[in-house]
Amino acid sequence: MQDAKNNMQKEKGKKWDGKSRPSSELYKENWNEIFGQKEQEELKASFKQSLANKKEREKKEEKQ
């Protein structure tokens, strides 16, 4: 009888591990809304910096 109670308690459901997230369309949309725009802004800033670095290198090459 004791074993049956222990088995029933263990089978109540999978416990949340604290790491996994429910994957649904709404979750993906919200993630993109929060982080997607930030990523695009970072890419634009990186691209601008890259262009500035290229211009600076070209100026140095012209002076030499």
C-alpha atoms as a PDB file:
ATOM      1  CA  MET A   1       0.000   0.000   0.000  1.00  0.00           C
ATOM      2  CA  GLN A   2       2.851   2.382   0.848  1.00  0.00           C
ATOM      3  CA  ASP A   3       4.514   1.766  -2.546  1.00  0.00           C
ATOM      4  CA  ALA A   4       1.301   2.578  -4.415  1.00  0.00           C
ATOM      5  CA  LYS A   5       1.085   5.995  -2.710  1.00  0.00           C
ATOM      6  CA  ASN A   6       4.703   6.805  -3.553  1.00  0.00           C
ATOM      7  CA  ASN A   7       4.189   5.843  -7.198  1.00  0.00           C
ATOM      8  CA  MET A   8       1.078   8.000  -7.455  1.00  0.00           C
ATOM      9  CA  GLN A   9       2.919  11.012  -6.081  1.00  0.00           C
ATOM     10  CA  LYS A  10       5.769  10.620  -8.577  1.00  0.00           C
ATOM     11  CA  GLU A  11       3.410  10.385 -11.540  1.00  0.00           C
ATOM     12  CA  LYS A  12       1.589  13.673 -10.914  1.00  0.00           C
ATOM     13  CA  GLY A  13       3.397  15.371 -13.748  1.00  0.00           C
ATOM     14  CA  LYS A  14       6.674  16.551 -15.044  1.00  0.00           C
ATOM     15  CA  LYS A  15       8.209  19.218 -12.880  1.00  0.00           C
ATOM     16  CA  TRP A  16       9.446  22.389 -14.515  1.00  0.00           C
ATOM     17  CA  ASP A  17      13.228  22.336 -14.733  1.00  0.00           C
ATOM     18  CA  GLY A  18      13.596  26.125 -14.718  1.00  0.00           C
ATOM     19  CA  LYS A  19      15.303  26.153 -18.112  1.00  0.00           C
ATOM     20  CA  SER A  20      12.867  24.999 -20.753  1.00  0.00           C
ATOM     21  CA  ARG A  21      10.251  27.347 -22.107  1.00  0.00           C
ATOM     22  CA  PRO A  22       6.918  26.585 -23.685  1.00  0.00           C
ATOM     23  CA  SER A  23       7.332  27.021 -27.414  1.00  0.00           C
ATOM     24  CA  SER A  24       4.271  28.550 -28.975  1.00  0.00           C
ATOM     25  CA  GLU A  25       3.633  31.092 -31.697  1.00  0.00           C
ATOM     26  CA  LEU A  26       2.716  33.736 -29.123  1.00  0.00           C
ATOM     27  CA  TYR A  27       5.976  33.140 -27.226  1.00  0.00           C
ATOM     28  CA  LYS A  28       7.986  33.509 -30.442  1.00  0.00           C
ATOM     29  CA  GLU A  29       6.169  36.720 -31.389  1.00  0.00           C
ATOM     30  CA  ASN A  30       6.735  38.225 -27.959  1.00  0.00           C
ATOM     31  CA  TRP A  31      10.401  37.233 -27.989  1.00  0.00           C
ATOM     32  CA  ASN A  32      10.867  38.849 -31.378  1.00  0.00           C
ATOM     33  CA  GLU A  33       9.087  41.977 -30.190  1.00  0.00           C
ATOM     34  CA  ILE A  34      11.381  42.295 -27.180  1.00  0.00           C
ATOM     35  CA  PHE A  35      14.732  41.093 -28.523  1.00  0.00           C
ATOM     36  CA  GLY A  36      14.326  41.120 -32.301  1.00  0.00           C
ATOM     37  CA  GLN A  37      14.325  44.896 -32.612  1.00  0.00           C
ATOM     38  CA  LYS A  38      17.300  45.169 -30.303  1.00  0.00           C
ATOM     39  CA  GLU A  39      19.233  42.761 -32.485  1.00  0.00           C
ATOM     40  CA  GLN A  40      18.447  44.787 -35.615  1.00  0.00           C
ATOM     41  CA  GLU A  41      19.560  47.993 -33.910  1.00  0.00           C
ATOM     42  CA  GLU A  42      22.826  46.361 -32.842  1.00  0.00           C
ATOM     43  CA  LEU A  43      23.447  45.135 -36.386  1.00  0.00           C
ATOM     44  CA  LYS A  44      22.877  48.620 -37.803  1.00  0.00           C
ATOM     45  CA  ALA A  45      25.238  50.162 -35.261  1.00  0.00           C
ATOM     46  CA  SER A  46      27.867  47.541 -36.025  1.00  0.00           C
ATOM     47  CA  PHE A  47      27.525  48.181 -39.755  1.00  0.00           C
ATOM     48  CA  LYS A  48      27.925  51.940 -39.274  1.00  0.00           C
ATOM     49  CA  GLN A  49      31.040  51.369 -37.184  1.00  0.00           C
ATOM     50  CA  SER A  50      32.390  49.035 -39.835  1.00  0.00           C
ATOM     51  CA  LEU A  51      31.941  51.694 -42.524  1.00  0.00           C
ATOM     52  CA  ALA A  52      33.644  54.301 -40.339  1.00  0.00           C
ATOM     53  CA  ASN A  53      36.595  51.956 -39.769  1.00  0.00           C
ATOM     54  CA  LYS A  54      36.874  51.321 -43.504  1.00  0.00           C
ATOM     55  CA  LYS A  55      36.950  55.050 -44.284  1.00  0.00           C
ATOM     56  CA  GLU A  56      39.623  55.581 -41.642  1.00  0.00           C
ATOM     57  CA  ARG A  57      41.779  52.806 -43.113  1.00  0.00           C
ATOM     58  CA  GLU A  58      41.398  54.242 -46.598  1.00  0.00           C
ATOM     59  CA  LYS A  59      42.501  57.691 -45.381  1.00  0.00           C
ATOM     60  CA  LYS A  60      45.585  56.196 -43.734  1.00  0.00           C
ATOM     61  CA  GLU A  61      46.453  54.309 -46.917  1.00  0.00           C
ATOM     62  CA  GLU A  62      46.165  57.496 -48.995  1.00  0.00           C
ATOM     63  CA  LYS A  63      48.556  59.358 -46.694  1.00  0.00           C
ATOM     64  CA  GLN A  64      51.210  56.663 -46.988  1.00  0.00           C
END
